[in-house]
């Protein structure tokens, strides 16, 4: 049984109320930010605010409106992959993500 709309509602809820406030990372080597002169030195903490991304109207038009359709297949394909990760990203992703969505 497919619960596609329920998945969209859950994703939109997590966009508006992410369980993580931010993602933190620390580069192992100096990193030059593409298309800028900014260099993040090795060992400098970097914090990525979830609400800043999840409420950015460039990626989520009318960000204060609850709209599960943001997460239909077409909209997911057209959105940048680096703007929605309520449980974190990479090897430090929250284990609870898989537990919650597998139930």
PDB file of N, CA and C in Angstrom:
ATOM      1  N   UNK A   1       0.838  -1.174   0.000  1.00  0.00           N
ATOM      2  CA  UNK A   1       0.000   0.000   0.000  1.00  0.00           C
ATOM      3  C   UNK A   1       0.885   1.240   0.000  1.00  0.00           C
ATOM      4  N   UNK A   2       0.574   2.168  -0.864  1.00  0.00           N
ATOM      5  CA  UNK A   2       1.356   3.395  -0.982  1.00  0.00           C
ATOM      6  C   UNK A   2       0.733   4.494  -0.127  1.00  0.00           C
ATOM      7  N   UNK A   3       1.556   5.123   0.660  1.00  0.00           N
ATOM      8  CA  UNK A   3       1.103   6.229   1.497  1.00  0.00           C
ATOM      9  C   UNK A   3       1.818   7.502   1.060  1.00  0.00           C
ATOM     10  N   UNK A   4       1.783   7.753  -0.237  1.00  0.00           N
ATOM     11  CA  UNK A   4       2.519   8.868  -0.819  1.00  0.00           C
ATOM     12  C   UNK A   4       2.144  10.201  -0.196  1.00  0.00           C
ATOM     13  N   UNK A   5       0.862  10.479  -0.072  1.00  0.00           N
ATOM     14  CA  UNK A   5       0.462  11.779   0.468  1.00  0.00           C
ATOM     15  C   UNK A   5       0.878  11.914   1.929  1.00  0.00           C
ATOM     16  N   UNK A   6       0.777  10.845   2.689  1.00  0.00           N
ATOM     17  CA  UNK A   6       1.224  10.883   4.081  1.00  0.00           C
ATOM     18  C   UNK A   6       2.722  11.186   4.149  1.00  0.00           C
ATOM     19  N   UNK A   7       3.511  10.577   3.271  1.00  0.00           N
ATOM     20  CA  UNK A   7       4.947  10.878   3.211  1.00  0.00           C
ATOM     21  C   UNK A   7       5.184  12.352   2.903  1.00  0.00           C
ATOM     22  N   UNK A   8       4.378  12.923   2.010  1.00  0.00           N
ATOM     23  CA  UNK A   8       4.516  14.345   1.670  1.00  0.00           C
ATOM     24  C   UNK A   8       4.171  15.219   2.876  1.00  0.00           C
ATOM     25  N   UNK A   9       3.133  14.855   3.612  1.00  0.00           N
ATOM     26  CA  UNK A   9       2.736  15.612   4.808  1.00  0.00           C
ATOM     27  C   UNK A   9       3.847  15.546   5.864  1.00  0.00           C
ATOM     28  N   UNK A  10       4.415  14.378   6.073  1.00  0.00           N
ATOM     29  CA  UNK A  10       5.504  14.228   7.044  1.00  0.00           C
ATOM     30  C   UNK A  10       6.714  15.051   6.617  1.00  0.00           C
ATOM     31  N   UNK A  11       7.065  14.997   5.339  1.00  0.00           N
ATOM     32  CA  UNK A  11       8.212  15.770   4.844  1.00  0.00           C
ATOM     33  C   UNK A  11       7.995  17.263   5.018  1.00  0.00           C
ATOM     34  N   UNK A  12       6.792  17.740   4.736  1.00  0.00           N
ATOM     35  CA  UNK A  12       6.499  19.165   4.902  1.00  0.00           C
ATOM     36  C   UNK A  12       6.526  19.552   6.378  1.00  0.00           C
ATOM     37  N   UNK A  13       6.035  18.685   7.240  1.00  0.00           N
ATOM     38  CA  UNK A  13       6.098  18.952   8.679  1.00  0.00           C
ATOM     39  C   UNK A  13       7.552  19.044   9.137  1.00  0.00           C
ATOM     40  N   UNK A  14       8.400  18.144   8.652  1.00  0.00           N
ATOM     41  CA  UNK A  14       9.821  18.176   9.016  1.00  0.00           C
ATOM     42  C   UNK A  14      10.533  19.387   8.419  1.00  0.00           C
ATOM     43  N   UNK A  15      10.060  19.877   7.294  1.00  0.00           N
ATOM     44  CA  UNK A  15      10.634  21.107   6.734  1.00  0.00           C
ATOM     45  C   UNK A  15      10.325  22.278   7.657  1.00  0.00           C
ATOM     46  N   UNK A  16       9.085  22.363   8.094  1.00  0.00           N
ATOM     47  CA  UNK A  16       8.674  23.497   8.918  1.00  0.00           C
ATOM     48  C   UNK A  16       9.173  23.390  10.362  1.00  0.00           C
ATOM     49  N   UNK A  17       9.304  22.167  10.852  1.00  0.00           N
ATOM     50  CA  UNK A  17       9.715  21.946  12.245  1.00  0.00           C
ATOM     51  C   UNK A  17      10.818  20.886  12.288  1.00  0.00           C
ATOM     52  N   UNK A  18      12.008  21.213  11.786  1.00  0.00           N
ATOM     53  CA  UNK A  18      13.071  20.203  11.726  1.00  0.00           C
ATOM     54  C   UNK A  18      13.523  19.771  13.124  1.00  0.00           C
ATOM     55  N   UNK A  19      13.800  18.473  13.299  1.00  0.00           N
ATOM     56  CA  UNK A  19      14.254  18.000  14.605  1.00  0.00           C
ATOM     57  C   UNK A  19      15.650  18.503  14.969  1.00  0.00           C
ATOM     58  N   UNK A  20      16.434  18.887  13.981  1.00  0.00           N
ATOM     59  CA  UNK A  20      17.766  19.456  14.220  1.00  0.00           C
ATOM     60  C   UNK A  20      17.723  20.946  13.936  1.00  0.00           C
ATOM     61  N   UNK A  21      18.342  21.730  14.796  1.00  0.00           N
ATOM     62  CA  UNK A  21      18.411  23.173  14.559  1.00  0.00           C
ATOM     63  C   UNK A  21      19.462  23.531  13.525  1.00  0.00           C
ATOM     64  N   UNK A  22      20.517  22.742  13.492  1.00  0.00           N
ATOM     65  CA  UNK A  22      21.608  23.007  12.563  1.00  0.00           C
ATOM     66  C   UNK A  22      22.428  21.731  12.373  1.00  0.00           C
ATOM     67  N   UNK A  23      23.224  21.747  11.327  1.00  0.00           N
ATOM     68  CA  UNK A  23      24.204  20.693  11.085  1.00  0.00           C
ATOM     69  C   UNK A  23      25.564  21.332  11.308  1.00  0.00           C
ATOM     70  N   UNK A  24      26.429  20.656  12.036  1.00  0.00           N
ATOM     71  CA  UNK A  24      27.772  21.194  12.210  1.00  0.00           C
ATOM     72  C   UNK A  24      28.800  20.260  11.582  1.00  0.00           C
ATOM     73  N   UNK A  25      29.789  20.858  10.980  1.00  0.00           N
ATOM     74  CA  UNK A  25      30.881  20.122  10.351  1.00  0.00           C
ATOM     75  C   UNK A  25      32.185  20.869  10.615  1.00  0.00           C
ATOM     76  N   UNK A  26      33.307  20.151  10.462  1.00  0.00           N
ATOM     77  CA  UNK A  26      34.615  20.755  10.606  1.00  0.00           C
ATOM     78  C   UNK A  26      35.503  20.176   9.503  1.00  0.00           C
ATOM     79  N   UNK A  27      35.982  21.029   8.590  1.00  0.00           N
ATOM     80  CA  UNK A  27      36.779  20.504   7.478  1.00  0.00           C
ATOM     81  C   UNK A  27      38.124  19.933   7.944  1.00  0.00           C
ATOM     82  N   UNK A  28      38.537  18.838   7.306  1.00  0.00           N
ATOM     83  CA  UNK A  28      39.828  18.206   7.595  1.00  0.00           C
ATOM     84  C   UNK A  28      40.973  18.901   6.884  1.00  0.00           C
ATOM     85  N   UNK A  29      40.630  19.723   5.911  1.00  0.00           N
ATOM     86  CA  UNK A  29      41.625  20.505   5.170  1.00  0.00           C
ATOM     87  C   UNK A  29      40.968  21.801   4.732  1.00  0.00           C
ATOM     88  N   UNK A  30      41.780  22.774   4.342  1.00  0.00           N
ATOM     89  CA  UNK A  30      41.234  24.057   3.888  1.00  0.00           C
ATOM     90  C   UNK A  30      40.295  23.806   2.706  1.00  0.00           C
ATOM     91  N   UNK A  31      39.200  24.556   2.667  1.00  0.00           N
ATOM     92  CA  UNK A  31      38.204  24.389   1.610  1.00  0.00           C
ATOM     93  C   UNK A  31      37.864  25.749   1.026  1.00  0.00           C
ATOM     94  N   UNK A  32      38.049  25.894  -0.287  1.00  0.00           N
ATOM     95  CA  UNK A  32      37.688  27.134  -0.967  1.00  0.00           C
ATOM     96  C   UNK A  32      36.245  27.011  -1.442  1.00  0.00           C
ATOM     97  N   UNK A  33      35.416  27.934  -0.996  1.00  0.00           N
ATOM     98  CA  UNK A  33      34.007  27.930  -1.384  1.00  0.00           C
ATOM     99  C   UNK A  33      33.916  28.297  -2.861  1.00  0.00           C
ATOM    100  N   UNK A  34      33.260  27.469  -3.676  1.00  0.00           N
ATOM    101  CA  UNK A  34      33.165  27.744  -5.115  1.00  0.00           C
ATOM    102  C   UNK A  34      32.545  29.113  -5.401  1.00  0.00           C
ATOM    103  N   UNK A  35      33.023  29.746  -6.443  1.00  0.00           N
ATOM    104  CA  UNK A  35      32.517  31.043  -6.917  1.00  0.00           C
ATOM    105  C   UNK A  35      32.674  32.156  -5.886  1.00  0.00           C
ATOM    106  N   UNK A  36      33.679  32.050  -5.031  1.00  0.00           N
ATOM    107  CA  UNK A  36      33.946  33.118  -4.063  1.00  0.00           C
ATOM    108  C   UNK A  36      35.422  33.098  -3.690  1.00  0.00           C
ATOM    109  N   UNK A  37      35.828  34.102  -2.937  1.00  0.00           N
ATOM    110  CA  UNK A  37      37.203  34.156  -2.437  1.00  0.00           C
ATOM    111  C   UNK A  37      37.310  33.566  -1.034  1.00  0.00           C
ATOM    112  N   UNK A  38      36.213  33.081  -0.505  1.00  0.00           N
ATOM    113  CA  UNK A  38      36.182  32.574   0.862  1.00  0.00           C
ATOM    114  C   UNK A  38      36.880  31.223   0.972  1.00  0.00           C
ATOM    115  N   UNK A  39      37.773  31.127   1.954  1.00  0.00           N
ATOM    116  CA  UNK A  39      38.440  29.865   2.263  1.00  0.00           C
ATOM    117  C   UNK A  39      38.117  29.516   3.713  1.00  0.00           C
ATOM    118  N   UNK A  40      37.593  28.328   3.922  1.00  0.00           N
ATOM    119  CA  UNK A  40      37.322  27.846   5.274  1.00  0.00           C
ATOM    120  C   UNK A  40      38.542  27.035   5.690  1.00  0.00           C
ATOM    121  N   UNK A  41      39.234  27.519   6.695  1.00  0.00           N
ATOM    122  CA  UNK A  41      40.473  26.877   7.126  1.00  0.00           C
ATOM    123  C   UNK A  41      40.195  25.549   7.832  1.00  0.00           C
ATOM    124  N   UNK A  42      41.163  24.658   7.755  1.00  0.00           N
ATOM    125  CA  UNK A  42      41.083  23.368   8.436  1.00  0.00           C
ATOM    126  C   UNK A  42      40.757  23.595   9.915  1.00  0.00           C
ATOM    127  N   UNK A  43      39.810  22.815  10.434  1.00  0.00           N
ATOM    128  CA  UNK A  43      39.469  22.891  11.847  1.00  0.00           C
ATOM    129  C   UNK A  43      38.485  23.985  12.227  1.00  0.00           C
ATOM    130  N   UNK A  44      38.034  24.775  11.251  1.00  0.00           N
ATOM    131  CA  UNK A  44      37.066  25.838  11.537  1.00  0.00           C
ATOM    132  C   UNK A  44      35.661  25.240  11.594  1.00  0.00           C
ATOM    133  N   UNK A  45      34.948  25.405  12.711  1.00  0.00           N
ATOM    134  CA  UNK A  45      33.585  24.858  12.762  1.00  0.00           C
ATOM    135  C   UNK A  45      32.661  25.578  11.781  1.00  0.00           C
ATOM    136  N   UNK A  46      31.830  24.809  11.109  1.00  0.00           N
ATOM    137  CA  UNK A  46      30.853  25.345  10.159  1.00  0.00           C
ATOM    138  C   UNK A  46      29.475  24.881  10.629  1.00  0.00           C
ATOM    139  N   UNK A  47      28.544  25.826  10.738  1.00  0.00           N
ATOM    140  CA  UNK A  47      27.183  25.518  11.179  1.00  0.00           C
ATOM    141  C   UNK A  47      26.207  25.868  10.062  1.00  0.00           C
ATOM    142  N   UNK A  48      25.359  24.917   9.697  1.00  0.00           N
ATOM    143  CA  UNK A  48      24.371  25.115   8.640  1.00  0.00           C
ATOM    144  C   UNK A  48      22.993  25.124   9.298  1.00  0.00           C
ATOM    145  N   UNK A  49      22.319  26.285   9.333  1.00  0.00           N
ATOM    146  CA  UNK A  49      21.019  26.363  10.009  1.00  0.00           C
ATOM    147  C   UNK A  49      19.895  25.757   9.164  1.00  0.00           C
ATOM    148  N   UNK A  50      19.186  24.813   9.746  1.00  0.00           N
ATOM    149  CA  UNK A  50      18.092  24.159   9.024  1.00  0.00           C
ATOM    150  C   UNK A  50      16.972  25.132   8.680  1.00  0.00           C
ATOM    151  N   UNK A  51      16.563  25.966   9.632  1.00  0.00           N
ATOM    152  CA  UNK A  51      15.462  26.887   9.350  1.00  0.00           C
ATOM    153  C   UNK A  51      15.837  27.875   8.258  1.00  0.00           C
ATOM    154  N   UNK A  52      17.093  28.272   8.196  1.00  0.00           N
ATOM    155  CA  UNK A  52      17.531  29.182   7.141  1.00  0.00           C
ATOM    156  C   UNK A  52      17.346  28.580   5.764  1.00  0.00           C
ATOM    157  N   UNK A  53      17.605  27.292   5.642  1.00  0.00           N
ATOM    158  CA  UNK A  53      17.403  26.609   4.362  1.00  0.00           C
ATOM    159  C   UNK A  53      15.933  26.284   4.129  1.00  0.00           C
ATOM    160  N   UNK A  54      15.290  25.726   5.127  1.00  0.00           N
ATOM    161  CA  UNK A  54      13.914  25.252   4.966  1.00  0.00           C
ATOM    162  C   UNK A  54      12.897  26.376   4.788  1.00  0.00           C
ATOM    163  N   UNK A  55      13.264  27.592   5.178  1.00  0.00           N
ATOM    164  CA  UNK A  55      12.352  28.730   5.021  1.00  0.00           C
ATOM    165  C   UNK A  55      12.848  29.719   3.974  1.00  0.00           C
ATOM    166  N   UNK A  56      13.798  29.315   3.148  1.00  0.00           N
ATOM    167  CA  UNK A  56      14.304  30.190   2.090  1.00  0.00           C
ATOM    168  C   UNK A  56      13.318  30.166   0.919  1.00  0.00           C
ATOM    169  N   UNK A  57      12.697  31.321   0.587  1.00  0.00           N
ATOM    170  CA  UNK A  57      11.698  31.333  -0.490  1.00  0.00           C
ATOM    171  C   UNK A  57      12.274  31.005  -1.865  1.00  0.00           C
ATOM    172  N   UNK A  58      13.589  31.071  -2.007  1.00  0.00           N
ATOM    173  CA  UNK A  58      14.194  30.671  -3.285  1.00  0.00           C
ATOM    174  C   UNK A  58      13.981  29.175  -3.531  1.00  0.00           C
ATOM    175  N   UNK A  59      13.995  28.395  -2.472  1.00  0.00           N
ATOM    176  CA  UNK A  59      13.845  26.944  -2.597  1.00  0.00           C
ATOM    177  C   UNK A  59      12.440  26.463  -2.239  1.00  0.00           C
ATOM    178  N   UNK A  60      11.782  27.182  -1.330  1.00  0.00           N
ATOM    179  CA  UNK A  60      10.443  26.813  -0.879  1.00  0.00           C
ATOM    180  C   UNK A  60       9.554  28.053  -0.926  1.00  0.00           C
ATOM    181  N   UNK A  61       8.929  28.337  -2.077  1.00  0.00           N
ATOM    182  CA  UNK A  61       8.058  29.524  -2.185  1.00  0.00           C
ATOM    183  C   UNK A  61       6.980  29.516  -1.098  1.00  0.00           C
ATOM    184  N   UNK A  62       6.636  30.706  -0.612  1.00  0.00           N
ATOM    185  CA  UNK A  62       5.672  30.843   0.489  1.00  0.00           C
ATOM    186  C   UNK A  62       6.040  29.906   1.644  1.00  0.00           C
ATOM    187  N   UNK A  63       7.235  30.074   2.197  1.00  0.00           N
ATOM    188  CA  UNK A  63       7.739  29.104   3.172  1.00  0.00           C
ATOM    189  C   UNK A  63       6.920  28.982   4.450  1.00  0.00           C
ATOM    190  N   UNK A  64       6.110  29.990   4.786  1.00  0.00           N
ATOM    191  CA  UNK A  64       5.304  29.913   6.006  1.00  0.00           C
ATOM    192  C   UNK A  64       4.010  29.127   5.805  1.00  0.00           C
ATOM    193  N   UNK A  65       3.703  28.786   4.569  1.00  0.00           N
ATOM    194  CA  UNK A  65       2.478  28.046   4.255  1.00  0.00           C
ATOM    195  C   UNK A  65       2.758  26.541   4.307  1.00  0.00           C
ATOM    196  N   UNK A  66       1.871  25.806   4.957  1.00  0.00           N
ATOM    197  CA  UNK A  66       1.971  24.348   4.989  1.00  0.00           C
ATOM    198  C   UNK A  66       1.474  23.808   3.653  1.00  0.00           C
ATOM    199  N   UNK A  67       2.380  23.227   2.866  1.00  0.00           N
ATOM    200  CA  UNK A  67       2.040  22.782   1.516  1.00  0.00           C
ATOM    201  C   UNK A  67       2.727  21.453   1.212  1.00  0.00           C
ATOM    202  N   UNK A  68       2.088  20.329   1.510  1.00  0.00           N
ATOM    203  CA  UNK A  68       2.696  19.025   1.254  1.00  0.00           C
ATOM    204  C   UNK A  68       3.066  18.789  -0.210  1.00  0.00           C
ATOM    205  N   UNK A  69       2.422  19.500  -1.140  1.00  0.00           N
ATOM    206  CA  UNK A  69       2.724  19.322  -2.563  1.00  0.00           C
ATOM    207  C   UNK A  69       4.167  19.696  -2.903  1.00  0.00           C
ATOM    208  N   UNK A  70       4.849  20.405  -2.012  1.00  0.00           N
ATOM    209  CA  UNK A  70       6.273  20.706  -2.235  1.00  0.00           C
ATOM    210  C   UNK A  70       7.074  19.422  -2.398  1.00  0.00           C
ATOM    211  N   UNK A  71       6.548  18.331  -1.860  1.00  0.00           N
ATOM    212  CA  UNK A  71       7.282  17.076  -1.841  1.00  0.00           C
ATOM    213  C   UNK A  71       6.706  16.030  -2.789  1.00  0.00           C
ATOM    214  N   UNK A  72       5.931  16.488  -3.791  1.00  0.00           N
ATOM    215  CA  UNK A  72       5.526  15.531  -4.820  1.00  0.00           C
ATOM    216  C   UNK A  72       6.751  15.231  -5.683  1.00  0.00           C
ATOM    217  N   UNK A  73       6.683  14.204  -6.483  1.00  0.00           N
ATOM    218  CA  UNK A  73       7.862  13.743  -7.236  1.00  0.00           C
ATOM    219  C   UNK A  73       8.440  14.832  -8.138  1.00  0.00           C
ATOM    220  N   UNK A  74       7.585  15.569  -8.824  1.00  0.00           N
ATOM    221  CA  UNK A  74       8.071  16.616  -9.732  1.00  0.00           C
ATOM    222  C   UNK A  74       8.815  17.708  -8.969  1.00  0.00           C
ATOM    223  N   UNK A  75       8.251  18.184  -7.876  1.00  0.00           N
ATOM    224  CA  UNK A  75       8.902  19.236  -7.098  1.00  0.00           C
ATOM    225  C   UNK A  75      10.207  18.756  -6.476  1.00  0.00           C
ATOM    226  N   UNK A  76      10.258  17.507  -6.030  1.00  0.00           N
ATOM    227  CA  UNK A  76      11.505  16.975  -5.470  1.00  0.00           C
ATOM    228  C   UNK A  76      12.593  16.918  -6.538  1.00  0.00           C
ATOM    229  N   UNK A  77      12.227  16.536  -7.759  1.00  0.00           N
ATOM    230  CA  UNK A  77      13.213  16.474  -8.854  1.00  0.00           C
ATOM    231  C   UNK A  77      13.760  17.846  -9.195  1.00  0.00           C
ATOM    232  N   UNK A  78      12.926  18.879  -9.087  1.00  0.00           N
ATOM    233  CA  UNK A  78      13.321  20.230  -9.492  1.00  0.00           C
ATOM    234  C   UNK A  78      14.023  21.019  -8.390  1.00  0.00           C
ATOM    235  N   UNK A  79      14.108  20.476  -7.196  1.00  0.00           N
ATOM    236  CA  UNK A  79      14.720  21.189  -6.072  1.00  0.00           C
ATOM    237  C   UNK A  79      16.174  20.749  -5.898  1.00  0.00           C
ATOM    238  N   UNK A  80      17.020  21.682  -5.538  1.00  0.00           N
ATOM    239  CA  UNK A  80      18.417  21.380  -5.244  1.00  0.00           C
ATOM    240  C   UNK A  80      18.494  20.327  -4.139  1.00  0.00           C
ATOM    241  N   UNK A  81      19.425  19.417  -4.276  1.00  0.00           N
ATOM    242  CA  UNK A  81      19.573  18.338  -3.293  1.00  0.00           C
ATOM    243  C   UNK A  81      20.133  18.830  -1.961  1.00  0.00           C
ATOM    244  N   UNK A  82      20.649  20.035  -1.922  1.00  0.00           N
ATOM    245  CA  UNK A  82      21.343  20.520  -0.718  1.00  0.00           C
ATOM    246  C   UNK A  82      20.519  21.487   0.118  1.00  0.00           C
ATOM    247  N   UNK A  83      19.201  21.404   0.073  1.00  0.00           N
ATOM    248  CA  UNK A  83      18.392  22.356   0.837  1.00  0.00           C
ATOM    249  C   UNK A  83      17.408  21.696   1.803  1.00  0.00           C
ATOM    250  N   UNK A  84      17.283  20.382   1.763  1.00  0.00           N
ATOM    251  CA  UNK A  84      16.335  19.718   2.658  1.00  0.00           C
ATOM    252  C   UNK A  84      16.983  18.475   3.249  1.00  0.00           C
ATOM    253  N   UNK A  85      17.332  18.544   4.506  1.00  0.00           N
ATOM    254  CA  UNK A  85      17.837  17.377   5.227  1.00  0.00           C
ATOM    255  C   UNK A  85      17.561  17.555   6.718  1.00  0.00           C
ATOM    256  N   UNK A  86      16.317  17.332   7.124  1.00  0.00           N
ATOM    257  CA  UNK A  86      15.925  17.580   8.513  1.00  0.00           C
ATOM    258  C   UNK A  86      16.629  16.686   9.530  1.00  0.00           C
ATOM    259  N   UNK A  87      17.148  15.534   9.090  1.00  0.00           N
ATOM    260  CA  UNK A  87      17.839  14.625  10.005  1.00  0.00           C
ATOM    261  C   UNK A  87      19.353  14.683   9.849  1.00  0.00           C
ATOM    262  N   UNK A  88      19.855  15.664   9.132  1.00  0.00           N
ATOM    263  CA  UNK A  88      21.290  15.745   8.892  1.00  0.00           C
ATOM    264  C   UNK A  88      21.632  15.169   7.533  1.00  0.00           C
ATOM    265  N   UNK A  89      22.917  15.011   7.288  1.00  0.00           N
ATOM    266  CA  UNK A  89      23.375  14.561   5.978  1.00  0.00           C
ATOM    267  C   UNK A  89      24.696  13.827   6.137  1.00  0.00           C
ATOM    268  N   UNK A  90      24.925  12.863   5.255  1.00  0.00           N
ATOM    269  CA  UNK A  90      26.197  12.155   5.233  1.00  0.00           C
ATOM    270  C   UNK A  90      26.304  11.102   6.326  1.00  0.00           C
ATOM    271  N   UNK A  91      27.545  10.785   6.719  1.00  0.00           N
ATOM    272  CA  UNK A  91      27.742   9.705   7.691  1.00  0.00           C
ATOM    273  C   UNK A  91      27.215  10.031   9.089  1.00  0.00           C
ATOM    274  N   UNK A  92      26.892  11.298   9.338  1.00  0.00           N
ATOM    275  CA  UNK A  92      26.400  11.697  10.658  1.00  0.00           C
ATOM    276  C   UNK A  92      24.878  11.850  10.688  1.00  0.00           C
ATOM    277  N   UNK A  93      24.184  11.287   9.706  1.00  0.00           N
ATOM    278  CA  UNK A  93      22.724  11.372   9.663  1.00  0.00           C
ATOM    279  C   UNK A  93      22.136  10.702  10.901  1.00  0.00           C
ATOM    280  N   UNK A  94      21.098  11.289  11.430  1.00  0.00           N
ATOM    281  CA  UNK A  94      20.426  10.756  12.618  1.00  0.00           C
ATOM    282  C   UNK A  94      19.860   9.368  12.319  1.00  0.00           C
ATOM    283  N   UNK A  95      20.170   8.412  13.158  1.00  0.00           N
ATOM    284  CA  UNK A  95      19.691   7.044  12.967  1.00  0.00           C
ATOM    285  C   UNK A  95      18.166   6.971  13.053  1.00  0.00           C
ATOM    286  N   UNK A  96      17.565   7.902  13.751  1.00  0.00           N
ATOM    287  CA  UNK A  96      16.113   7.909  13.933  1.00  0.00           C
ATOM    288  C   UNK A  96      15.359   8.089  12.614  1.00  0.00           C
ATOM    289  N   UNK A  97      16.013   8.680  11.609  1.00  0.00           N
ATOM    290  CA  UNK A  97      15.345   8.868  10.314  1.00  0.00           C
ATOM    291  C   UNK A  97      14.882   7.532   9.753  1.00  0.00           C
ATOM    292  N   UNK A  98      15.756   6.559   9.698  1.00  0.00           N
ATOM    293  CA  UNK A  98      15.405   5.255   9.135  1.00  0.00           C
ATOM    294  C   UNK A  98      14.384   4.532  10.011  1.00  0.00           C
ATOM    295  N   UNK A  99      14.540   4.644  11.304  1.00  0.00           N
ATOM    296  CA  UNK A  99      13.609   3.980  12.215  1.00  0.00           C
ATOM    297  C   UNK A  99      12.205   4.536  12.029  1.00  0.00           C
ATOM    298  N   UNK A 100      12.076   5.853  11.953  1.00  0.00           N
ATOM    299  CA  UNK A 100      10.758   6.476  11.822  1.00  0.00           C
ATOM    300  C   UNK A 100      10.090   6.170  10.491  1.00  0.00           C
ATOM    301  N   UNK A 101      10.835   6.206   9.408  1.00  0.00           N
ATOM    302  CA  UNK A 101      10.224   6.032   8.096  1.00  0.00           C
ATOM    303  C   UNK A 101      10.051   4.574   7.712  1.00  0.00           C
ATOM    304  N   UNK A 102      10.697   3.663   8.416  1.00  0.00           N
ATOM    305  CA  UNK A 102      10.531   2.249   8.119  1.00  0.00           C
ATOM    306  C   UNK A 102       9.295   1.658   8.787  1.00  0.00           C
ATOM    307  N   UNK A 103       8.731   2.367   9.758  1.00  0.00           N
ATOM    308  CA  UNK A 103       7.556   1.844  10.481  1.00  0.00           C
ATOM    309  C   UNK A 103       6.312   1.946   9.637  1.00  0.00           C
TER     310      UNK A 103
END
